[in-house]
Amino acid sequence: MTWVVVALTAYFILAVANLLDKFLIDNVLLSSKAYAFAACILGLIIFLIAPWFLHWPGLSLFILDLLAGFIFAVALWMLYEALQRGEASRILVTVGGTTPIFSLIFSILFFKEQFSNNQLIGISLLLIGVFVIAILPKDRTYLSRVLRKLKMKQNIKSGGLLIALLSAFSYSLYFICTKYVYSFQPFLSAFIWTRLGAAILVSFFLLSKNNRYKILHSFTKKNKNKRNFLVVVNQVFGSLGFVLQNYAIYLGSVTIVNALQGVQYAFLLIISAIIALLAPKLLKETFSWPIVLQKTAAVIIIGTGLYFLAS
């Protein structure tokens, strides 16, 4: 399954990008709308390849492409809002763990998709692995330690988990929409049109005077060149992962690709262990047997899930 390899590569890249997202939201772009605006507008860079890959799909599919882009912009905005309100480790696991559940429901309802026994076992194991990670003690998660080491803000506000669930719902709806339009259009052409839809949606943020101020202020304060460069670099990095994720959906099952997101957290746990062994003073990781066993169990469960999906 080539698309499984593509999806795994995408989630490794997105795991790193999400860490940077949290840092940028807390320390650079203090408004979730400002960050969503920057991300979606920068997404228009892909129009540089439009002369070679963009095709007119017809009015109906064009509207669906734009609608998918609208939904993506909303999902991204809500993810950033949830990250701003809640603890990153909880928010990312919540979004990553519930998106495939919504996708599974949508796939059955709209595509009448059927799964083999091995695939169902694999999906279930991936979700269980994500749950095992989610119930780790807050101060023992890799993300929490990295965020504290980087002195990122942890001002927890109410509504973070609810917004994360809404983000997951929107992401799953977006992936279902794109799976449909990818069935009738070349991948890159459809992807480019969805970027246009996302940019149009976030442009409406500018109608509010308060939003205009926050967006402009985010890019005009001190050290703006360094800060803006970091935003651009992270968006390029994250966009690469996102393109690969969409390409995996184009090639394979949207439900399984979403379920593979659990591997993203396994990557973080493995990186955590490597850093703790090679540079224990960097994260000051404190191991206890229950935590070690829980983390190991999560990685084993997710790895077993991958085996069933690939078999």
Protein backbone atom coordinates (compact mmCIF):
# COMPACT_ATOMS: atom_id res chain seq x y z
CA MET A 1 0.00 0.00 0.00
CA THR A 2 1.91 3.02 -1.29
CA TRP A 3 -0.65 5.39 0.19
CA VAL A 4 0.03 4.05 3.68
CA VAL A 5 3.70 5.05 3.34
CA VAL A 6 2.62 8.46 2.05
CA ALA A 7 0.27 8.88 5.03
CA LEU A 8 2.94 7.87 7.54
CA THR A 9 5.38 10.38 6.04
CA ALA A 10 2.68 13.05 6.22
CA TYR A 11 1.97 12.43 9.90
CA PHE A 12 5.65 12.51 10.83
CA ILE A 13 5.92 15.96 9.22
CA LEU A 14 2.64 17.14 10.77
CA ALA A 15 3.74 16.00 14.24
CA VAL A 16 6.63 18.46 14.13
CA ALA A 17 4.52 21.17 12.47
CA ASN A 18 1.88 20.98 15.21
CA LEU A 19 4.50 21.67 17.87
CA LEU A 20 5.54 24.77 15.98
CA ASP A 21 1.88 25.75 15.57
CA LYS A 22 1.46 25.83 19.34
CA PHE A 23 4.61 27.91 19.75
CA LEU A 24 3.56 30.42 17.08
CA ILE A 25 0.02 30.78 18.40
CA ASP A 26 1.24 31.48 21.93
CA ASN A 27 4.29 33.62 21.15
CA VAL A 28 4.00 35.13 17.66
CA LEU A 29 0.47 35.30 16.29
CA LEU A 30 -1.67 35.75 19.37
CA SER A 31 -4.97 35.45 17.49
CA SER A 32 -6.25 32.13 16.14
CA LYS A 33 -7.95 34.01 13.31
CA ALA A 34 -4.69 35.76 12.43
CA TYR A 35 -2.87 32.43 12.24
CA ALA A 36 -5.65 30.79 10.20
CA PHE A 37 -5.66 33.83 7.89
CA ALA A 38 -1.88 33.58 7.41
CA ALA A 39 -2.00 29.83 6.81
CA CYS A 40 -4.79 29.98 4.22
CA ILE A 41 -3.43 33.02 2.38
CA LEU A 42 0.03 31.46 2.23
CA GLY A 43 -1.68 28.38 0.79
CA LEU A 44 -2.27 30.38 -2.38
CA ILE A 45 1.43 29.92 -3.16
CA ILE A 46 0.42 26.64 -4.76
CA PHE A 47 -1.12 28.69 -7.59
CA LEU A 48 2.44 29.04 -8.89
CA ILE A 49 2.00 25.60 -10.46
CA ALA A 50 -1.50 26.39 -11.74
CA PRO A 51 -0.46 26.88 -15.41
CA TRP A 52 0.64 23.24 -15.57
CA PHE A 53 -1.87 21.45 -13.34
CA LEU A 54 -5.03 23.55 -12.94
CA HIS A 55 -8.10 22.53 -14.95
CA TRP A 56 -11.63 23.89 -15.04
CA PRO A 57 -13.76 21.12 -13.48
CA GLY A 58 -17.18 22.48 -14.38
CA LEU A 59 -19.42 24.69 -12.27
CA SER A 60 -20.77 21.98 -9.95
CA LEU A 61 -17.37 20.54 -9.03
CA PHE A 62 -15.88 24.04 -8.79
CA ILE A 63 -18.50 24.94 -6.16
CA LEU A 64 -17.75 21.71 -4.28
CA ASP A 65 -14.02 22.49 -4.43
CA LEU A 66 -14.63 25.92 -2.92
CA LEU A 67 -16.98 24.46 -0.30
CA ALA A 68 -14.30 21.95 0.73
CA GLY A 69 -11.87 24.85 1.06
CA PHE A 70 -14.37 26.77 3.21
CA ILE A 71 -14.74 23.77 5.52
CA PHE A 72 -10.98 23.34 5.76
CA ALA A 73 -10.50 26.99 6.76
CA VAL A 74 -13.11 26.61 9.51
CA ALA A 75 -11.49 23.37 10.75
CA LEU A 76 -8.06 25.03 10.82
CA TRP A 77 -9.34 28.12 12.62
CA MET A 78 -11.07 25.99 15.27
CA LEU A 79 -7.93 23.87 15.73
CA TYR A 80 -5.86 26.99 16.38
CA GLU A 81 -8.54 28.38 18.70
CA ALA A 82 -8.59 25.10 20.62
CA LEU A 83 -4.78 25.10 20.84
CA GLN A 84 -4.90 28.63 22.19
CA ARG A 85 -7.44 27.65 24.84
CA GLY A 86 -6.21 24.23 25.91
CA GLU A 87 -3.20 22.05 26.52
CA ALA A 88 -1.64 21.11 23.18
CA SER A 89 -1.20 17.41 23.99
CA ARG A 90 -4.89 17.02 24.89
CA ILE A 91 -6.16 19.09 21.97
CA LEU A 92 -4.07 17.35 19.30
CA VAL A 93 -4.91 13.89 20.60
CA THR A 94 -8.61 14.80 20.77
CA VAL A 95 -8.64 16.06 17.17
CA GLY A 96 -6.51 13.18 15.91
CA GLY A 97 -8.50 10.55 17.78
CA THR A 98 -12.02 11.68 16.89
CA THR A 99 -11.50 12.73 13.25
CA PRO A 100 -11.33 9.09 12.04
CA ILE A 101 -14.47 8.25 14.01
CA PHE A 102 -16.41 10.99 12.23
CA SER A 103 -14.79 9.96 8.93
CA LEU A 104 -15.85 6.35 9.44
CA ILE A 105 -19.46 7.43 9.98
CA PHE A 106 -19.42 9.72 6.92
CA SER A 107 -17.76 7.06 4.73
CA ILE A 108 -20.44 4.52 5.58
CA LEU A 109 -23.28 7.04 5.11
CA PHE A 110 -22.10 8.73 1.89
CA PHE A 111 -19.79 6.24 0.17
CA LYS A 112 -21.28 2.99 1.50
CA GLU A 113 -17.66 2.05 2.13
CA GLN A 114 -17.04 -1.46 3.40
CA PHE A 115 -14.00 -2.61 5.34
CA SER A 116 -12.39 -6.00 5.74
CA ASN A 117 -12.12 -7.57 9.16
CA ASN A 118 -8.40 -6.81 9.29
CA GLN A 119 -9.03 -3.16 8.42
CA LEU A 120 -11.68 -2.83 11.13
CA ILE A 121 -9.32 -4.42 13.65
CA GLY A 122 -6.54 -2.06 12.54
CA ILE A 123 -8.74 1.03 12.83
CA SER A 124 -9.92 -0.06 16.28
CA LEU A 125 -6.37 -0.64 17.50
CA LEU A 126 -5.21 2.75 16.23
CA LEU A 127 -8.04 4.46 18.09
CA ILE A 128 -7.29 2.49 21.25
CA GLY A 129 -3.64 3.52 20.96
CA VAL A 130 -4.64 7.18 20.74
CA PHE A 131 -6.86 6.75 23.81
CA VAL A 132 -3.97 5.23 25.78
CA ILE A 133 -1.87 8.27 24.92
CA ALA A 134 -4.72 10.63 25.80
CA ILE A 135 -4.99 9.32 29.37
CA LEU A 136 -1.28 9.80 30.11
CA PRO A 137 -0.79 12.14 33.10
CA LYS A 138 -0.61 15.70 31.79
CA ASP A 139 2.86 16.43 33.11
CA ARG A 140 4.26 13.21 31.66
CA THR A 141 3.34 13.76 28.00
CA TYR A 142 6.09 14.57 25.53
CA LEU A 143 4.28 17.64 24.23
CA SER A 144 3.83 19.07 27.69
CA ARG A 145 7.55 18.78 28.46
CA VAL A 146 8.61 20.29 25.16
CA LEU A 147 6.17 23.17 25.57
CA ARG A 148 7.42 23.91 29.08
CA LYS A 149 11.04 23.69 27.92
CA LEU A 150 10.29 26.23 25.18
CA LYS A 151 8.46 28.36 27.76
CA MET A 152 5.22 28.28 25.80
CA LYS A 153 2.14 29.62 27.47
CA GLN A 154 -0.22 27.18 29.10
CA ASN A 155 -3.12 29.49 29.92
CA ILE A 156 -5.97 27.02 29.88
CA LYS A 157 -9.34 28.53 29.01
CA SER A 158 -12.75 26.91 28.89
CA GLY A 159 -14.18 25.34 25.77
CA GLY A 160 -10.92 24.00 24.35
CA LEU A 161 -12.01 20.37 24.09
CA LEU A 162 -15.42 21.25 22.68
CA ILE A 163 -13.83 23.40 19.99
CA ALA A 164 -11.38 20.56 19.30
CA LEU A 165 -14.33 18.22 18.68
CA LEU A 166 -15.87 20.75 16.29
CA SER A 167 -12.52 20.98 14.53
CA ALA A 168 -12.37 17.18 14.21
CA PHE A 169 -15.91 17.12 12.82
CA SER A 170 -15.00 19.80 10.26
CA TYR A 171 -11.78 18.05 9.27
CA SER A 172 -13.60 14.77 8.69
CA LEU A 173 -16.24 16.55 6.60
CA TYR A 174 -13.47 18.25 4.60
CA PHE A 175 -11.71 14.94 3.93
CA ILE A 176 -14.96 13.32 2.80
CA CYS A 177 -15.65 16.24 0.43
CA THR A 178 -12.16 16.11 -1.02
CA LYS A 179 -12.34 12.34 -1.48
CA TYR A 180 -15.45 12.93 -3.56
CA VAL A 181 -13.99 15.71 -5.73
CA TYR A 182 -10.73 13.77 -6.15
CA SER A 183 -12.82 11.02 -7.76
CA PHE A 184 -13.70 13.32 -10.66
CA GLN A 185 -10.64 15.59 -10.97
CA PRO A 186 -6.86 15.33 -11.14
CA PHE A 187 -5.46 15.51 -7.61
CA LEU A 188 -3.42 18.72 -7.92
CA SER A 189 -6.12 20.59 -9.81
CA ALA A 190 -8.75 19.86 -7.17
CA PHE A 191 -6.30 20.63 -4.36
CA ILE A 192 -5.44 24.02 -5.87
CA TRP A 193 -9.13 24.98 -6.13
CA THR A 194 -9.71 24.04 -2.48
CA ARG A 195 -6.84 26.38 -1.46
CA LEU A 196 -8.70 29.18 -3.23
CA GLY A 197 -11.84 28.36 -1.25
CA ALA A 198 -9.93 28.44 2.03
CA ALA A 199 -8.40 31.83 1.16
CA ILE A 200 -11.80 33.27 0.26
CA LEU A 201 -13.29 32.15 3.58
CA VAL A 202 -10.56 33.69 5.75
CA SER A 203 -10.79 36.91 3.72
CA PHE A 204 -14.15 37.48 5.39
CA PHE A 205 -12.25 37.87 8.68
CA LEU A 206 -11.14 41.26 7.36
CA LEU A 207 -14.73 42.55 7.43
CA SER A 208 -14.40 42.95 11.20
CA LYS A 209 -12.40 45.95 12.38
CA ASN A 210 -11.20 44.00 15.42
CA ASN A 211 -10.00 41.12 13.26
CA ARG A 212 -8.23 43.48 10.87
CA TYR A 213 -6.37 45.03 13.78
CA LYS A 214 -5.29 41.65 15.20
CA ILE A 215 -4.16 40.36 11.81
CA LEU A 216 -2.21 43.50 10.92
CA HIS A 217 -0.77 43.81 14.44
CA SER A 218 0.48 40.23 14.30
CA PHE A 219 2.66 41.06 11.32
CA THR A 220 3.79 44.56 12.28
CA LYS A 221 5.15 44.25 15.82
CA LYS A 222 8.79 44.09 16.86
CA ASN A 223 11.03 41.48 15.26
CA LYS A 224 8.39 41.06 12.57
CA ASN A 225 10.86 39.83 9.96
CA LYS A 226 12.12 36.95 12.13
CA ARG A 227 8.64 36.13 13.36
CA ASN A 228 7.06 36.24 9.90
CA PHE A 229 9.89 34.11 8.52
CA LEU A 230 9.18 31.48 11.18
CA VAL A 231 5.47 31.53 10.28
CA VAL A 232 6.25 31.07 6.59
CA VAL A 233 8.75 28.25 7.22
CA ASN A 234 6.31 26.37 9.45
CA GLN A 235 3.47 26.81 6.97
CA VAL A 236 5.61 25.48 4.14
CA PHE A 237 6.61 22.52 6.31
CA GLY A 238 3.05 21.90 7.46
CA SER A 239 1.72 22.32 3.92
CA LEU A 240 4.03 19.58 2.71
CA GLY A 241 2.59 17.22 5.30
CA PHE A 242 -0.95 18.31 4.47
CA VAL A 243 -0.44 17.78 0.72
CA LEU A 244 0.91 14.29 1.41
CA GLN A 245 -2.06 13.57 3.69
CA ASN A 246 -4.48 14.64 0.95
CA TYR A 247 -2.58 12.61 -1.63
CA ALA A 248 -2.87 9.54 0.59
CA ILE A 249 -6.64 10.15 0.76
CA TYR A 250 -6.70 10.50 -3.03
CA LEU A 251 -4.97 7.12 -3.36
CA GLY A 252 -6.68 5.19 -0.58
CA SER A 253 -9.41 5.13 2.05
CA VAL A 254 -10.21 8.41 3.79
CA THR A 255 -11.20 6.55 6.97
CA ILE A 256 -8.00 4.53 7.18
CA VAL A 257 -5.80 7.52 6.36
CA ASN A 258 -7.48 9.46 9.16
CA ALA A 259 -7.11 6.50 11.51
CA LEU A 260 -3.39 6.45 10.74
CA GLN A 261 -3.16 9.83 12.47
CA GLY A 262 -2.62 7.88 15.66
CA VAL A 263 0.86 7.13 14.35
CA GLN A 264 1.62 10.84 14.69
CA TYR A 265 1.54 10.50 18.47
CA ALA A 266 3.55 7.30 18.35
CA PHE A 267 6.23 9.26 16.50
CA LEU A 268 6.23 11.83 19.30
CA LEU A 269 6.56 9.15 21.95
CA ILE A 270 9.45 7.50 20.11
CA ILE A 271 11.20 10.85 19.64
CA SER A 272 10.60 11.50 23.35
CA ALA A 273 12.34 8.27 24.30
CA ILE A 274 15.29 8.94 21.98
CA ILE A 275 15.80 12.47 23.32
CA ALA A 276 15.48 11.24 26.90
CA LEU A 277 18.20 8.63 26.28
CA LEU A 278 20.59 10.83 24.30
CA ALA A 279 20.02 14.13 26.10
CA PRO A 280 18.18 13.50 29.38
CA LYS A 281 18.95 17.01 30.66
CA LEU A 282 17.19 18.60 27.70
CA LEU A 283 13.68 17.50 28.67
CA LYS A 284 14.44 16.27 32.18
CA GLU A 285 12.24 13.28 31.48
CA THR A 286 11.33 11.46 34.67
CA PHE A 287 10.54 7.83 33.99
CA SER A 288 8.39 5.63 36.17
CA TRP A 289 7.48 2.08 35.30
CA PRO A 290 3.72 2.77 34.94
CA ILE A 291 4.41 5.64 32.53
CA VAL A 292 7.01 3.65 30.58
CA LEU A 293 4.63 0.70 30.28
CA GLN A 294 1.74 2.94 29.22
CA LYS A 295 3.80 4.66 26.53
CA THR A 296 5.21 1.33 25.32
CA ALA A 297 1.74 -0.19 25.21
CA ALA A 298 0.46 2.74 23.12
CA VAL A 299 3.26 2.34 20.56
CA ILE A 300 2.77 -1.45 20.41
CA ILE A 301 -1.01 -1.12 19.98
CA ILE A 302 -0.61 1.45 17.20
CA GLY A 303 2.08 -0.67 15.53
CA THR A 304 -0.20 -3.72 15.67
CA GLY A 305 -2.97 -1.63 14.15
CA LEU A 306 -0.67 -0.72 11.28
CA TYR A 307 0.11 -4.40 10.73
CA PHE A 308 -3.58 -5.25 10.39
CA LEU A 309 -4.18 -2.35 8.03
CA ALA A 310 -1.31 -3.38 5.77
CA SER A 311 -2.18 -7.09 5.79
